[in-house]
Amino acid sequence: QVPVVESGGGYVQAGGSLRLSCVASGRTFNVMGWFRQAPGKEREFVGAMNWYSGGIYYDTDVQGRFTISKDNAKNTMYLQMTSLKPEDTAVYYCAARNGGDIHYLAEKYDYWGQGTQVTVSS
């Protein structure tokens, strides 16, 4: 049983919005974040948060358009995506790490969800 599971992907027109969810099973983690990967490209950092401090860091490509939030009662982290662009099309992954520092390197994360597809059409 994987410790984090993401959902909420789908198809949307450019300029539209989607909200992704990531549920932590059985426990929470110091840091939970989002990555994305388009075909033929490397996995890219989107943003991450420290669950306990509330600190959040975003990649510059999504700064001002995407927002990370959480629901403590549901052990769930959200990625609210607005003003979506075709270049946002990718598989989006939820990731978690035991350490308390936010990292942009995928290799620093300990757990991964299976991914959810986001497709933005023009």
Protein backbone atom coordinates (compact mmCIF):
# COMPACT_ATOMS: atom_id res chain seq x y z
CA GLN A 1 0.00 0.00 0.00
CA VAL A 2 1.52 3.26 -1.14
CA PRO A 3 1.64 6.03 1.46
CA VAL A 4 0.52 8.80 -0.91
CA VAL A 5 -2.15 8.69 -3.62
CA GLU A 6 -2.98 11.54 -5.98
CA SER A 7 -6.11 12.16 -8.00
CA GLY A 8 -8.04 14.89 -9.78
CA GLY A 9 -6.41 15.04 -13.19
CA GLY A 10 -8.41 15.47 -16.34
CA TYR A 11 -8.93 17.45 -19.50
CA VAL A 12 -9.36 21.20 -19.47
CA GLN A 13 -9.28 24.09 -21.91
CA ALA A 14 -6.48 26.61 -21.73
CA GLY A 15 -7.27 29.18 -19.08
CA GLY A 16 -9.27 26.70 -17.04
CA SER A 17 -8.71 25.25 -13.60
CA LEU A 18 -8.21 21.89 -11.93
CA ARG A 19 -7.61 20.82 -8.37
CA LEU A 20 -5.43 17.83 -7.62
CA SER A 21 -5.54 15.95 -4.33
CA CYS A 22 -2.94 13.86 -2.57
CA VAL A 23 -3.98 11.71 0.37
CA ALA A 24 -1.40 10.54 2.87
CA SER A 25 -2.34 7.12 4.18
CA GLY A 26 -1.88 6.40 7.85
CA ARG A 27 0.47 9.27 8.55
CA THR A 28 1.61 12.63 7.37
CA PHE A 29 5.09 13.62 6.29
CA ASN A 30 7.28 16.58 7.07
CA VAL A 31 7.32 17.63 3.42
CA MET A 32 4.80 16.86 0.71
CA GLY A 33 5.04 18.21 -2.80
CA TRP A 34 4.18 17.99 -6.45
CA PHE A 35 6.21 17.09 -9.50
CA ARG A 36 5.19 16.74 -13.13
CA GLN A 37 6.57 14.95 -16.15
CA ALA A 38 5.70 15.48 -19.79
CA PRO A 39 6.55 12.87 -22.45
CA GLY A 40 10.24 12.93 -23.32
CA LYS A 41 11.08 15.35 -20.52
CA GLU A 42 12.57 14.98 -17.08
CA ARG A 43 10.47 15.09 -13.96
CA GLU A 44 10.04 18.71 -12.93
CA PHE A 45 9.48 20.23 -9.52
CA VAL A 46 6.17 22.07 -9.21
CA GLY A 47 5.96 22.99 -5.55
CA ALA A 48 6.10 21.60 -2.04
CA MET A 49 5.14 22.41 1.51
CA ASN A 50 6.25 21.66 5.01
CA TRP A 51 3.21 20.11 6.62
CA TYR A 52 3.89 21.48 10.07
CA SER A 53 5.32 24.93 9.44
CA GLY A 54 3.09 25.71 6.48
CA GLY A 55 6.01 26.93 4.44
CA ILE A 56 5.50 26.59 0.70
CA TYR A 57 7.83 26.93 -2.26
CA TYR A 58 6.84 27.00 -5.94
CA ASP A 59 8.73 26.64 -9.15
CA THR A 60 8.84 29.88 -11.11
CA ASP A 61 6.92 28.33 -14.01
CA VAL A 62 3.80 28.00 -11.87
CA GLN A 63 4.27 30.82 -9.38
CA GLY A 64 1.11 32.92 -9.23
CA ARG A 65 -1.04 30.31 -10.98
CA PHE A 66 -0.81 27.24 -8.74
CA THR A 67 -1.57 27.10 -5.04
CA ILE A 68 -0.75 24.37 -2.54
CA SER A 69 -2.97 23.89 0.49
CA LYS A 70 -3.83 21.15 2.97
CA ASP A 71 -6.64 19.72 5.04
CA ASN A 72 -5.30 18.36 8.30
CA ALA A 73 -8.45 16.40 9.12
CA LYS A 74 -8.26 14.54 5.82
CA ASN A 75 -4.47 14.17 5.66
CA THR A 76 -4.78 15.67 2.20
CA MET A 77 -2.68 18.11 0.24
CA TYR A 78 -4.14 19.98 -2.71
CA LEU A 79 -2.76 21.61 -5.81
CA GLN A 80 -5.15 24.24 -7.13
CA MET A 81 -4.19 25.01 -10.71
CA THR A 82 -5.58 28.07 -12.45
CA SER A 83 -4.89 29.83 -15.75
CA LEU A 84 -3.74 26.52 -17.15
CA LYS A 85 -1.62 26.50 -20.28
CA PRO A 86 -1.00 23.74 -22.83
CA GLU A 87 2.57 23.51 -21.58
CA ASP A 88 1.20 22.45 -18.19
CA THR A 89 0.16 19.16 -19.78
CA ALA A 90 1.92 16.35 -17.93
CA VAL A 91 1.52 13.52 -15.49
CA TYR A 92 1.44 15.06 -12.04
CA TYR A 93 2.92 13.18 -9.11
CA CYS A 94 2.53 13.61 -5.41
CA ALA A 95 5.71 13.05 -3.44
CA ALA A 96 6.68 13.00 0.21
CA ARG A 97 9.84 12.95 2.25
CA ASN A 98 10.65 12.37 5.87
CA GLY A 99 13.08 15.25 6.12
CA GLY A 100 11.85 18.71 6.93
CA ASP A 101 13.61 20.63 4.15
CA ILE A 102 11.85 21.43 0.90
CA HIS A 103 13.83 20.18 -2.09
CA TYR A 104 13.37 20.64 -5.82
CA LEU A 105 15.29 17.43 -6.62
CA ALA A 106 13.11 14.37 -7.13
CA GLU A 107 15.81 12.12 -5.70
CA LYS A 108 15.35 13.74 -2.29
CA TYR A 109 11.82 12.40 -1.93
CA ASP A 110 11.09 9.07 -0.30
CA TYR A 111 7.57 8.23 -1.47
CA TRP A 112 5.67 8.70 -4.72
CA GLY A 113 2.15 8.34 -5.94
CA GLN A 114 1.27 6.72 -9.26
CA GLY A 115 0.53 9.98 -11.05
CA THR A 116 -2.54 11.64 -12.49
CA GLN A 117 -2.77 12.96 -16.04
CA VAL A 118 -3.47 16.63 -16.67
CA THR A 119 -4.16 17.61 -20.26
CA VAL A 120 -4.66 21.24 -21.26
CA SER A 121 -5.94 21.88 -24.75
CA SER A 122 -5.61 25.06 -26.75
